[in-house]
Amino acid sequence: MHVLCRKQEYTQPTPIQALGVPCGLSGRDIIGIAKTGSGKTAAFIWPMLVHIMDQPALKKGDGPIGKSSAVTHGVFQNFLHKFFEKSWAGVQQPSDL
């Protein structure tokens, strides 16, 4: 997770991340309202990634182990594109975005 944060060039959390990430990591539900570009999506996704990485490998018929929603498909698709572009350069991206 630290590697992903460094690749995203985060030096400190935004206010919504400072409040949301600890709640998500503790297993609590999060509802966040903040301006566009404030880091809301990352505040929801980081705790989910920690949860996913802590799970045993999925077997056929298992899942999902993480789910998120966004205002529009385009908003979430844009976030994933930026995430994979910066964090996992060279890794094959999901084709069904």
Protein backbone atom coordinates (compact mmCIF):
# COMPACT_ATOMS: atom_id res chain seq x y z
CA MET A 1 0.00 0.00 0.00
CA HIS A 2 2.87 2.37 0.77
CA VAL A 3 4.30 1.74 -2.69
CA LEU A 4 0.97 2.65 -4.29
CA CYS A 5 0.79 5.88 -2.29
CA ARG A 6 4.33 6.82 -3.30
CA LYS A 7 3.61 6.12 -6.97
CA GLN A 8 0.50 8.29 -6.76
CA GLU A 9 2.78 11.04 -5.35
CA TYR A 10 0.72 11.51 -2.18
CA THR A 11 2.66 13.29 0.56
CA GLN A 12 -0.23 13.77 2.98
CA PRO A 13 -3.91 12.90 2.92
CA THR A 14 -6.56 15.38 1.89
CA PRO A 15 -9.10 16.27 4.59
CA ILE A 16 -11.66 13.76 3.29
CA GLN A 17 -8.97 11.05 3.20
CA ALA A 18 -7.75 11.91 6.71
CA LEU A 19 -11.28 11.34 8.02
CA GLY A 20 -12.45 8.56 5.68
CA VAL A 21 -9.52 6.16 5.48
CA PRO A 22 -9.32 5.40 9.24
CA CYS A 23 -13.10 4.79 9.29
CA GLY A 24 -12.85 2.44 6.33
CA LEU A 25 -9.87 0.59 7.78
CA SER A 26 -11.82 0.02 10.98
CA GLY A 27 -14.64 -1.60 8.99
CA ARG A 28 -17.11 1.23 9.30
CA ASP A 29 -19.31 2.54 6.50
CA ILE A 30 -18.28 5.81 4.87
CA ILE A 31 -20.37 8.56 3.34
CA GLY A 32 -18.25 11.47 2.16
CA ILE A 33 -19.25 14.77 0.62
CA ALA A 34 -16.50 16.95 -0.78
CA LYS A 35 -15.56 18.89 -3.90
CA THR A 36 -14.47 17.26 -7.15
CA GLY A 37 -10.77 16.41 -7.03
CA SER A 38 -10.65 16.29 -3.24
CA GLY A 39 -9.68 12.61 -3.06
CA LYS A 40 -13.03 11.03 -2.17
CA THR A 41 -12.64 8.01 -4.43
CA ALA A 42 -9.17 7.23 -3.10
CA ALA A 43 -10.50 7.54 0.46
CA PHE A 44 -12.99 4.77 -0.32
CA ILE A 45 -10.68 2.60 -2.44
CA TRP A 46 -7.59 2.46 -0.15
CA PRO A 47 -9.35 0.66 2.73
CA MET A 48 -11.00 -1.68 0.24
CA LEU A 49 -7.60 -2.56 -1.29
CA VAL A 50 -6.22 -3.34 2.18
CA HIS A 51 -9.20 -5.63 2.79
CA ILE A 52 -8.78 -7.34 -0.61
CA MET A 53 -5.06 -7.94 -0.05
CA ASP A 54 -5.79 -9.56 3.33
CA GLN A 55 -8.16 -12.13 1.83
CA PRO A 56 -7.21 -15.66 0.78
CA ALA A 57 -7.16 -16.32 -2.95
CA LEU A 58 -10.62 -16.54 -4.48
CA LYS A 59 -11.93 -19.89 -5.57
CA LYS A 60 -14.40 -20.46 -8.37
CA GLY A 61 -17.77 -19.11 -7.26
CA ASP A 62 -16.31 -16.79 -4.60
CA GLY A 63 -16.62 -13.05 -4.59
CA PRO A 64 -17.00 -10.22 -4.79
CA ILE A 65 -14.70 -9.16 -1.95
CA GLY A 66 -14.92 -5.47 -2.71
CA LYS A 67 -17.48 -3.21 -4.27
CA SER A 68 -17.64 0.51 -4.85
CA SER A 69 -19.92 2.92 -6.62
CA ALA A 70 -19.51 6.34 -8.13
CA VAL A 71 -21.84 9.06 -9.33
CA THR A 72 -21.35 7.91 -12.91
CA HIS A 73 -19.60 5.05 -14.64
CA GLY A 74 -17.32 7.62 -16.28
CA VAL A 75 -16.14 9.03 -12.95
CA PHE A 76 -15.10 5.63 -11.64
CA GLN A 77 -13.63 4.58 -14.99
CA ASN A 78 -11.52 7.75 -14.98
CA PHE A 79 -10.28 7.01 -11.46
CA LEU A 80 -9.31 3.45 -12.38
CA HIS A 81 -7.54 4.63 -15.51
CA LYS A 82 -5.47 7.11 -13.49
CA PHE A 83 -4.81 4.54 -10.76
CA PHE A 84 -3.54 1.87 -13.16
CA GLU A 85 -1.61 4.39 -15.24
CA LYS A 86 0.38 5.70 -12.26
CA SER A 87 0.47 2.75 -9.89
CA TRP A 88 0.71 -0.33 -12.05
CA ALA A 89 2.53 0.84 -15.15
CA GLY A 90 3.22 -2.15 -17.35
CA VAL A 91 0.59 -4.35 -15.67
CA GLN A 92 -2.24 -5.44 -17.93
CA GLN A 93 -5.32 -3.41 -17.14
CA PRO A 94 -8.79 -4.87 -16.83
CA SER A 95 -10.44 -4.83 -20.25
CA ASP A 96 -14.01 -4.63 -19.01
CA LEU A 97 -13.86 -1.13 -17.52
